[in-house]
N, C-alpha and C. Protein backbone atom coordinates (compact mmCIF):
# COMPACT_ATOMS: atom_id res chain seq x y z
N MET A 1 -24.74 19.86 -11.01
CA MET A 1 -24.36 18.80 -11.91
C MET A 1 -22.88 18.52 -11.76
N SER A 2 -22.53 17.28 -11.62
CA SER A 2 -21.13 16.89 -11.43
C SER A 2 -20.56 16.36 -12.74
N VAL A 3 -19.29 16.65 -12.97
CA VAL A 3 -18.62 16.19 -14.18
C VAL A 3 -17.96 14.85 -13.88
N ALA A 4 -18.33 13.83 -14.63
CA ALA A 4 -17.79 12.49 -14.42
C ALA A 4 -16.49 12.34 -15.21
N PRO A 5 -15.55 11.56 -14.69
CA PRO A 5 -14.32 11.31 -15.44
C PRO A 5 -14.63 10.49 -16.70
N PRO A 6 -13.81 10.61 -17.72
CA PRO A 6 -14.05 9.85 -18.94
C PRO A 6 -14.02 8.34 -18.66
N PRO A 7 -14.88 7.58 -19.32
CA PRO A 7 -14.92 6.13 -19.07
C PRO A 7 -13.60 5.44 -19.38
N ALA A 8 -12.89 5.91 -20.41
CA ALA A 8 -11.61 5.28 -20.76
C ALA A 8 -10.60 5.43 -19.63
N LEU A 9 -10.55 6.59 -19.03
CA LEU A 9 -9.64 6.83 -17.92
C LEU A 9 -10.03 5.99 -16.71
N GLU A 10 -11.32 5.94 -16.45
CA GLU A 10 -11.80 5.14 -15.32
C GLU A 10 -11.52 3.65 -15.53
N GLN A 11 -11.63 3.17 -16.77
CA GLN A 11 -11.32 1.77 -17.06
C GLN A 11 -9.84 1.49 -16.88
N ARG A 12 -8.98 2.41 -17.29
CA ARG A 12 -7.53 2.21 -17.11
C ARG A 12 -7.18 2.14 -15.63
N LEU A 13 -7.81 2.98 -14.84
CA LEU A 13 -7.53 2.96 -13.40
C LEU A 13 -8.12 1.70 -12.75
N THR A 14 -9.28 1.28 -13.19
CA THR A 14 -9.88 0.06 -12.64
C THR A 14 -9.04 -1.16 -12.98
N ALA A 15 -8.39 -1.16 -14.13
CA ALA A 15 -7.52 -2.27 -14.51
C ALA A 15 -6.30 -2.38 -13.60
N LEU A 16 -5.95 -1.30 -12.93
CA LEU A 16 -4.79 -1.30 -12.03
C LEU A 16 -5.13 -1.71 -10.60
N VAL A 17 -6.38 -1.98 -10.31
CA VAL A 17 -6.79 -2.34 -8.95
C VAL A 17 -6.02 -3.56 -8.42
N PRO A 18 -5.87 -4.66 -9.20
CA PRO A 18 -5.09 -5.79 -8.67
C PRO A 18 -3.63 -5.43 -8.35
N ARG A 19 -3.03 -4.57 -9.16
CA ARG A 19 -1.65 -4.14 -8.89
C ARG A 19 -1.56 -3.35 -7.59
N VAL A 20 -2.48 -2.45 -7.40
CA VAL A 20 -2.47 -1.64 -6.18
C VAL A 20 -2.69 -2.54 -4.96
N ARG A 21 -3.56 -3.51 -5.10
CA ARG A 21 -3.80 -4.45 -4.00
C ARG A 21 -2.53 -5.24 -3.68
N VAL A 22 -1.82 -5.72 -4.71
CA VAL A 22 -0.58 -6.46 -4.49
C VAL A 22 0.47 -5.58 -3.82
N LEU A 23 0.57 -4.33 -4.26
CA LEU A 23 1.54 -3.42 -3.64
C LEU A 23 1.22 -3.15 -2.17
N ARG A 24 -0.05 -2.98 -1.87
CA ARG A 24 -0.44 -2.74 -0.47
C ARG A 24 -0.16 -3.96 0.40
N VAL A 25 -0.45 -5.14 -0.12
CA VAL A 25 -0.18 -6.37 0.64
C VAL A 25 1.32 -6.55 0.81
N ALA A 26 2.10 -6.26 -0.24
CA ALA A 26 3.56 -6.38 -0.14
C ALA A 26 4.12 -5.41 0.88
N ARG A 27 3.62 -4.18 0.89
CA ARG A 27 4.07 -3.21 1.90
C ARG A 27 3.72 -3.69 3.31
N GLY A 28 2.51 -4.20 3.47
CA GLY A 28 2.10 -4.70 4.78
C GLY A 28 2.92 -5.90 5.22
N ALA A 29 3.22 -6.80 4.29
CA ALA A 29 4.03 -7.97 4.63
C ALA A 29 5.45 -7.56 5.02
N THR A 30 5.99 -6.57 4.33
CA THR A 30 7.32 -6.08 4.68
C THR A 30 7.31 -5.47 6.08
N ARG A 31 6.32 -4.65 6.35
CA ARG A 31 6.22 -4.06 7.70
C ARG A 31 6.06 -5.14 8.76
N LEU A 32 5.27 -6.16 8.45
CA LEU A 32 5.04 -7.25 9.39
C LEU A 32 6.33 -8.00 9.70
N VAL A 33 7.08 -8.36 8.67
CA VAL A 33 8.33 -9.11 8.88
C VAL A 33 9.34 -8.27 9.65
N VAL A 34 9.48 -7.01 9.28
CA VAL A 34 10.44 -6.14 9.98
C VAL A 34 10.04 -5.96 11.44
N THR A 35 8.78 -5.75 11.70
CA THR A 35 8.31 -5.57 13.07
C THR A 35 8.48 -6.84 13.89
N ALA A 36 8.14 -7.99 13.30
CA ALA A 36 8.29 -9.26 14.02
C ALA A 36 9.76 -9.54 14.33
N LEU A 37 10.64 -9.28 13.36
CA LEU A 37 12.07 -9.50 13.62
C LEU A 37 12.61 -8.54 14.67
N ALA A 38 12.20 -7.30 14.62
CA ALA A 38 12.66 -6.33 15.61
C ALA A 38 12.20 -6.73 17.01
N ALA A 39 10.96 -7.18 17.13
CA ALA A 39 10.46 -7.61 18.45
C ALA A 39 11.22 -8.82 18.96
N VAL A 40 11.51 -9.77 18.08
CA VAL A 40 12.28 -10.95 18.49
C VAL A 40 13.68 -10.54 18.93
N CYS A 41 14.29 -9.64 18.20
CA CYS A 41 15.64 -9.18 18.57
C CYS A 41 15.64 -8.50 19.93
N VAL A 42 14.65 -7.68 20.19
CA VAL A 42 14.57 -6.99 21.48
C VAL A 42 14.42 -8.00 22.61
N VAL A 43 13.54 -8.98 22.44
CA VAL A 43 13.32 -9.98 23.49
C VAL A 43 14.56 -10.84 23.68
N LEU A 44 15.22 -11.21 22.60
CA LEU A 44 16.44 -12.02 22.73
C LEU A 44 17.55 -11.24 23.43
N LEU A 45 17.69 -9.98 23.10
CA LEU A 45 18.69 -9.16 23.79
C LEU A 45 18.34 -8.99 25.27
N LEU A 46 17.07 -8.79 25.55
CA LEU A 46 16.63 -8.68 26.94
C LEU A 46 16.89 -9.98 27.70
N ASP A 47 16.62 -11.10 27.05
CA ASP A 47 16.85 -12.40 27.68
C ASP A 47 18.34 -12.64 27.90
N ALA A 48 19.16 -12.25 26.94
CA ALA A 48 20.61 -12.43 27.09
C ALA A 48 21.16 -11.54 28.20
N ALA A 49 20.62 -10.36 28.36
CA ALA A 49 21.12 -9.43 29.37
C ALA A 49 20.61 -9.77 30.76
N ALA A 50 19.36 -10.23 30.87
CA ALA A 50 18.77 -10.41 32.19
C ALA A 50 18.49 -11.87 32.54
N SER A 51 18.74 -12.78 31.63
CA SER A 51 18.49 -14.20 31.87
C SER A 51 17.07 -14.42 32.44
N LEU A 52 16.09 -14.22 31.57
CA LEU A 52 14.69 -14.28 31.96
C LEU A 52 14.28 -15.68 32.42
N PRO A 53 13.37 -15.76 33.38
CA PRO A 53 12.85 -17.07 33.77
C PRO A 53 11.93 -17.64 32.68
N ALA A 54 11.62 -18.90 32.77
CA ALA A 54 10.84 -19.59 31.75
C ALA A 54 9.45 -18.97 31.60
N TRP A 55 8.80 -18.60 32.71
CA TRP A 55 7.47 -18.03 32.60
C TRP A 55 7.48 -16.70 31.84
N ALA A 56 8.56 -15.90 32.00
CA ALA A 56 8.66 -14.61 31.30
C ALA A 56 8.88 -14.85 29.80
N ARG A 57 9.68 -15.87 29.47
CA ARG A 57 9.87 -16.21 28.06
C ARG A 57 8.56 -16.65 27.44
N GLY A 58 7.80 -17.46 28.16
CA GLY A 58 6.49 -17.89 27.66
C GLY A 58 5.53 -16.73 27.48
N LEU A 59 5.57 -15.78 28.42
CA LEU A 59 4.72 -14.60 28.31
C LEU A 59 5.11 -13.77 27.08
N PHE A 60 6.42 -13.56 26.91
CA PHE A 60 6.88 -12.81 25.74
C PHE A 60 6.49 -13.52 24.44
N LEU A 61 6.61 -14.84 24.43
CA LEU A 61 6.25 -15.60 23.24
C LEU A 61 4.77 -15.47 22.92
N SER A 62 3.92 -15.57 23.93
CA SER A 62 2.48 -15.45 23.67
C SER A 62 2.11 -14.04 23.24
N VAL A 63 2.73 -13.03 23.81
CA VAL A 63 2.47 -11.65 23.39
C VAL A 63 2.95 -11.45 21.96
N TRP A 64 4.11 -12.02 21.64
CA TRP A 64 4.66 -11.87 20.29
C TRP A 64 3.75 -12.54 19.26
N ILE A 65 3.30 -13.75 19.55
CA ILE A 65 2.43 -14.46 18.61
C ILE A 65 1.12 -13.69 18.42
N THR A 66 0.56 -13.19 19.49
CA THR A 66 -0.68 -12.41 19.39
C THR A 66 -0.46 -11.14 18.58
N ALA A 67 0.63 -10.45 18.85
CA ALA A 67 0.92 -9.20 18.13
C ALA A 67 1.14 -9.47 16.64
N VAL A 68 1.85 -10.54 16.31
CA VAL A 68 2.08 -10.87 14.90
C VAL A 68 0.74 -11.20 14.22
N GLY A 69 -0.12 -11.92 14.92
CA GLY A 69 -1.44 -12.22 14.35
C GLY A 69 -2.27 -10.98 14.11
N VAL A 70 -2.29 -10.08 15.07
CA VAL A 70 -3.06 -8.84 14.92
C VAL A 70 -2.48 -7.97 13.80
N LEU A 71 -1.16 -7.86 13.76
CA LEU A 71 -0.53 -7.06 12.71
C LEU A 71 -0.71 -7.69 11.34
N ALA A 72 -0.67 -9.02 11.26
CA ALA A 72 -0.91 -9.69 9.98
C ALA A 72 -2.33 -9.40 9.50
N TRP A 73 -3.28 -9.42 10.43
CA TRP A 73 -4.66 -9.08 10.05
C TRP A 73 -4.75 -7.65 9.54
N ARG A 74 -4.16 -6.74 10.30
CA ARG A 74 -4.29 -5.31 9.99
C ARG A 74 -3.50 -4.91 8.74
N TRP A 75 -2.28 -5.43 8.58
CA TRP A 75 -1.40 -4.97 7.51
C TRP A 75 -1.44 -5.83 6.26
N VAL A 76 -1.91 -7.07 6.35
CA VAL A 76 -1.89 -7.95 5.18
C VAL A 76 -3.31 -8.36 4.76
N ILE A 77 -4.08 -8.92 5.68
CA ILE A 77 -5.39 -9.47 5.32
C ILE A 77 -6.38 -8.35 4.96
N VAL A 78 -6.45 -7.30 5.75
CA VAL A 78 -7.39 -6.21 5.47
C VAL A 78 -7.09 -5.54 4.12
N PRO A 79 -5.83 -5.18 3.81
CA PRO A 79 -5.58 -4.61 2.48
C PRO A 79 -5.85 -5.59 1.34
N TRP A 80 -5.66 -6.86 1.60
CA TRP A 80 -5.89 -7.86 0.57
C TRP A 80 -7.38 -7.97 0.23
N ARG A 81 -8.22 -7.87 1.24
CA ARG A 81 -9.66 -8.03 1.04
C ARG A 81 -10.38 -6.72 0.76
N ALA A 82 -9.73 -5.60 0.96
CA ALA A 82 -10.39 -4.29 0.83
C ALA A 82 -10.70 -3.96 -0.63
N ASP A 83 -11.79 -3.24 -0.82
CA ASP A 83 -12.12 -2.72 -2.14
C ASP A 83 -11.21 -1.53 -2.42
N VAL A 84 -10.74 -1.45 -3.65
CA VAL A 84 -9.87 -0.35 -4.06
C VAL A 84 -10.61 0.45 -5.13
N SER A 85 -10.86 1.70 -4.84
CA SER A 85 -11.59 2.55 -5.78
C SER A 85 -10.61 3.18 -6.79
N PRO A 86 -11.12 3.65 -7.91
CA PRO A 86 -10.24 4.35 -8.86
C PRO A 86 -9.56 5.58 -8.24
N ALA A 87 -10.22 6.23 -7.28
CA ALA A 87 -9.58 7.37 -6.62
C ALA A 87 -8.37 6.91 -5.80
N GLU A 88 -8.46 5.74 -5.19
CA GLU A 88 -7.31 5.21 -4.44
C GLU A 88 -6.18 4.79 -5.39
N VAL A 89 -6.54 4.27 -6.56
CA VAL A 89 -5.52 3.95 -7.57
C VAL A 89 -4.82 5.23 -8.01
N ALA A 90 -5.60 6.29 -8.20
CA ALA A 90 -5.02 7.59 -8.57
C ALA A 90 -4.09 8.10 -7.48
N ALA A 91 -4.44 7.87 -6.22
CA ALA A 91 -3.56 8.29 -5.12
C ALA A 91 -2.26 7.50 -5.13
N GLU A 92 -2.32 6.21 -5.48
CA GLU A 92 -1.09 5.41 -5.59
C GLU A 92 -0.25 5.89 -6.77
N LEU A 93 -0.91 6.23 -7.88
CA LEU A 93 -0.18 6.74 -9.04
C LEU A 93 0.47 8.08 -8.74
N GLU A 94 -0.12 8.84 -7.84
CA GLU A 94 0.44 10.15 -7.49
C GLU A 94 1.84 10.00 -6.90
N LYS A 95 2.08 8.89 -6.20
CA LYS A 95 3.41 8.67 -5.61
C LYS A 95 4.46 8.47 -6.70
N ALA A 96 4.09 7.78 -7.78
CA ALA A 96 5.03 7.50 -8.86
C ALA A 96 5.06 8.59 -9.92
N LEU A 97 3.96 9.24 -10.12
CA LEU A 97 3.84 10.28 -11.15
C LEU A 97 3.34 11.58 -10.53
N PRO A 98 4.17 12.29 -9.80
CA PRO A 98 3.68 13.48 -9.10
C PRO A 98 3.15 14.57 -10.04
N GLU A 99 3.69 14.66 -11.25
CA GLU A 99 3.24 15.70 -12.16
C GLU A 99 1.83 15.43 -12.70
N LEU A 100 1.44 14.16 -12.76
CA LEU A 100 0.11 13.81 -13.24
C LEU A 100 -0.80 13.35 -12.11
N GLY A 101 -0.20 12.79 -11.08
CA GLY A 101 -0.98 12.16 -10.03
C GLY A 101 -1.94 13.08 -9.31
N ASP A 102 -1.51 14.30 -9.03
CA ASP A 102 -2.38 15.23 -8.31
C ASP A 102 -3.61 15.58 -9.15
N ARG A 103 -3.39 15.82 -10.43
CA ARG A 103 -4.51 16.14 -11.32
C ARG A 103 -5.41 14.92 -11.50
N LEU A 104 -4.78 13.74 -11.57
CA LEU A 104 -5.55 12.51 -11.75
C LEU A 104 -6.44 12.25 -10.54
N ARG A 105 -5.87 12.41 -9.37
CA ARG A 105 -6.66 12.21 -8.14
C ARG A 105 -7.79 13.24 -8.05
N ALA A 106 -7.49 14.48 -8.42
CA ALA A 106 -8.52 15.52 -8.40
C ALA A 106 -9.62 15.23 -9.41
N ALA A 107 -9.26 14.64 -10.54
CA ALA A 107 -10.27 14.33 -11.56
C ALA A 107 -11.14 13.15 -11.13
N MET A 108 -10.60 12.25 -10.31
CA MET A 108 -11.35 11.06 -9.92
C MET A 108 -12.20 11.28 -8.66
N THR A 109 -11.92 12.30 -7.89
CA THR A 109 -12.69 12.55 -6.68
C THR A 109 -13.78 13.59 -6.96
N ASP A 110 -14.64 13.80 -5.99
CA ASP A 110 -15.69 14.80 -6.14
C ASP A 110 -15.09 16.20 -6.17
N ALA A 111 -15.79 17.08 -6.83
CA ALA A 111 -15.31 18.46 -6.95
C ALA A 111 -15.36 19.14 -5.58
N PRO A 112 -14.34 19.92 -5.26
CA PRO A 112 -14.39 20.67 -4.00
C PRO A 112 -15.47 21.74 -4.08
N PRO A 113 -16.01 22.14 -2.94
CA PRO A 113 -17.05 23.18 -2.96
C PRO A 113 -16.49 24.47 -3.55
N GLY A 114 -17.31 25.08 -4.36
CA GLY A 114 -16.90 26.36 -4.94
C GLY A 114 -16.28 26.22 -6.31
N GLN A 115 -16.01 25.01 -6.76
CA GLN A 115 -15.41 24.83 -8.08
C GLN A 115 -16.54 24.67 -9.11
N SER A 116 -16.47 25.45 -10.16
CA SER A 116 -17.54 25.40 -11.16
C SER A 116 -17.40 24.15 -12.03
N ASP A 117 -18.50 23.78 -12.65
CA ASP A 117 -18.50 22.60 -13.53
C ASP A 117 -17.60 22.81 -14.74
N ALA A 118 -17.50 24.05 -15.22
CA ALA A 118 -16.66 24.33 -16.39
C ALA A 118 -15.18 24.10 -16.05
N VAL A 119 -14.77 24.55 -14.88
CA VAL A 119 -13.38 24.36 -14.45
C VAL A 119 -13.10 22.87 -14.25
N ARG A 120 -14.03 22.21 -13.64
CA ARG A 120 -13.87 20.76 -13.40
C ARG A 120 -13.83 20.00 -14.72
N ALA A 121 -14.68 20.36 -15.68
CA ALA A 121 -14.68 19.69 -16.99
C ALA A 121 -13.35 19.91 -17.71
N ALA A 122 -12.81 21.13 -17.61
CA ALA A 122 -11.51 21.41 -18.24
C ALA A 122 -10.40 20.60 -17.58
N LEU A 123 -10.44 20.48 -16.25
CA LEU A 123 -9.44 19.70 -15.52
C LEU A 123 -9.51 18.23 -15.92
N VAL A 124 -10.71 17.69 -15.96
CA VAL A 124 -10.89 16.28 -16.32
C VAL A 124 -10.44 16.03 -17.75
N ASP A 125 -10.77 16.93 -18.66
CA ASP A 125 -10.39 16.77 -20.06
C ASP A 125 -8.87 16.84 -20.23
N ALA A 126 -8.23 17.81 -19.59
CA ALA A 126 -6.78 17.95 -19.69
C ALA A 126 -6.08 16.74 -19.06
N THR A 127 -6.60 16.26 -17.96
CA THR A 127 -6.01 15.09 -17.30
C THR A 127 -6.14 13.86 -18.19
N ALA A 128 -7.28 13.67 -18.81
CA ALA A 128 -7.49 12.51 -19.70
C ALA A 128 -6.54 12.58 -20.90
N ARG A 129 -6.32 13.77 -21.44
CA ARG A 129 -5.38 13.90 -22.56
C ARG A 129 -3.96 13.58 -22.14
N ARG A 130 -3.53 14.07 -20.99
CA ARG A 130 -2.18 13.79 -20.51
C ARG A 130 -2.00 12.32 -20.15
N ALA A 131 -3.04 11.71 -19.62
CA ALA A 131 -2.94 10.33 -19.15
C ALA A 131 -2.85 9.34 -20.31
N ARG A 132 -3.31 9.71 -21.50
CA ARG A 132 -3.24 8.80 -22.64
C ARG A 132 -1.80 8.42 -22.97
N ALA A 133 -0.88 9.34 -22.77
CA ALA A 133 0.52 9.10 -23.14
C ALA A 133 1.31 8.39 -22.04
N VAL A 134 0.73 8.18 -20.89
CA VAL A 134 1.45 7.61 -19.75
C VAL A 134 1.11 6.13 -19.62
N ASP A 135 2.15 5.32 -19.41
CA ASP A 135 1.94 3.89 -19.16
C ASP A 135 1.80 3.69 -17.66
N PHE A 136 0.57 3.49 -17.21
CA PHE A 136 0.30 3.34 -15.78
C PHE A 136 0.89 2.05 -15.22
N VAL A 137 0.96 1.02 -16.04
CA VAL A 137 1.49 -0.26 -15.56
C VAL A 137 2.97 -0.12 -15.18
N ARG A 138 3.72 0.62 -15.96
CA ARG A 138 5.14 0.83 -15.64
C ARG A 138 5.32 1.75 -14.42
N ALA A 139 4.33 2.56 -14.15
CA ALA A 139 4.41 3.48 -13.01
C ALA A 139 4.21 2.75 -11.69
N LEU A 140 3.54 1.60 -11.71
CA LEU A 140 3.30 0.80 -10.50
C LEU A 140 3.94 -0.57 -10.65
N PRO A 141 5.27 -0.66 -10.55
CA PRO A 141 5.93 -1.95 -10.72
C PRO A 141 5.69 -2.86 -9.51
N VAL A 142 5.33 -4.10 -9.78
CA VAL A 142 5.04 -5.05 -8.72
C VAL A 142 6.25 -5.93 -8.43
N LYS A 143 7.01 -6.28 -9.44
CA LYS A 143 8.13 -7.22 -9.28
C LYS A 143 9.18 -6.75 -8.26
N PRO A 144 9.59 -5.47 -8.26
CA PRO A 144 10.57 -5.06 -7.24
C PRO A 144 10.06 -5.22 -5.81
N ALA A 145 8.78 -4.94 -5.61
CA ALA A 145 8.21 -5.08 -4.26
C ALA A 145 8.19 -6.54 -3.84
N LEU A 146 7.82 -7.42 -4.75
CA LEU A 146 7.79 -8.84 -4.43
C LEU A 146 9.20 -9.39 -4.24
N ALA A 147 10.15 -8.93 -5.04
CA ALA A 147 11.54 -9.37 -4.88
C ALA A 147 12.11 -8.90 -3.54
N ALA A 148 11.79 -7.69 -3.14
CA ALA A 148 12.26 -7.19 -1.84
C ALA A 148 11.66 -8.00 -0.70
N ASN A 149 10.39 -8.37 -0.82
CA ASN A 149 9.76 -9.20 0.21
C ASN A 149 10.39 -10.58 0.27
N ALA A 150 10.71 -11.16 -0.88
CA ALA A 150 11.35 -12.48 -0.89
C ALA A 150 12.73 -12.41 -0.26
N ALA A 151 13.47 -11.36 -0.56
CA ALA A 151 14.80 -11.20 0.04
C ALA A 151 14.70 -11.00 1.54
N LEU A 152 13.73 -10.23 1.96
CA LEU A 152 13.52 -10.00 3.39
C LEU A 152 13.12 -11.29 4.10
N ALA A 153 12.28 -12.09 3.47
CA ALA A 153 11.86 -13.37 4.06
C ALA A 153 13.05 -14.31 4.18
N LEU A 154 13.91 -14.35 3.16
CA LEU A 154 15.11 -15.18 3.23
C LEU A 154 16.05 -14.70 4.33
N LEU A 155 16.18 -13.41 4.47
CA LEU A 155 17.00 -12.85 5.53
C LEU A 155 16.44 -13.22 6.90
N ALA A 156 15.14 -13.13 7.04
CA ALA A 156 14.50 -13.48 8.30
C ALA A 156 14.68 -14.96 8.60
N PHE A 157 14.56 -15.79 7.60
CA PHE A 157 14.74 -17.22 7.79
C PHE A 157 16.20 -17.53 8.16
N GLY A 158 17.12 -16.84 7.52
CA GLY A 158 18.54 -17.05 7.83
C GLY A 158 18.92 -16.55 9.20
N ALA A 159 18.23 -15.52 9.67
CA ALA A 159 18.55 -14.95 10.99
C ALA A 159 18.05 -15.82 12.13
N THR A 160 17.04 -16.64 11.85
CA THR A 160 16.50 -17.47 12.94
C THR A 160 17.15 -18.78 13.04
């Protein structure tokens, strides 16, 4: 018999799914912009040093566009469309709340082999009591991530 997490705790974590999705997309977009800018800088420096012929510039451009498309799919579109489970929300909370996050993630995932139901029930109960006093929304701030992405996009636009 498996011990299920309390419904109130599961509802609080489920309510954070859109926030976790936004944070993952913001992280992916940041990685995408930084990678695209770094690749452009490398090619421009290579072109300035070696004076590349037109066909080489076209090849680099097509490779760059393809790479940006693939990375956009992998780092932005896939996280945006992916289902986020309460266990994944708990893993994100673990980054911001290390003292509670490990217990929260353990309470939301399946019990490891060898752990008794009584121990698991005590862990889930203690985690639910501790989590009542914590504001999960403040632990996963979205505005700083979006502001950093906007600043990075402006920097990228200004650099080109």
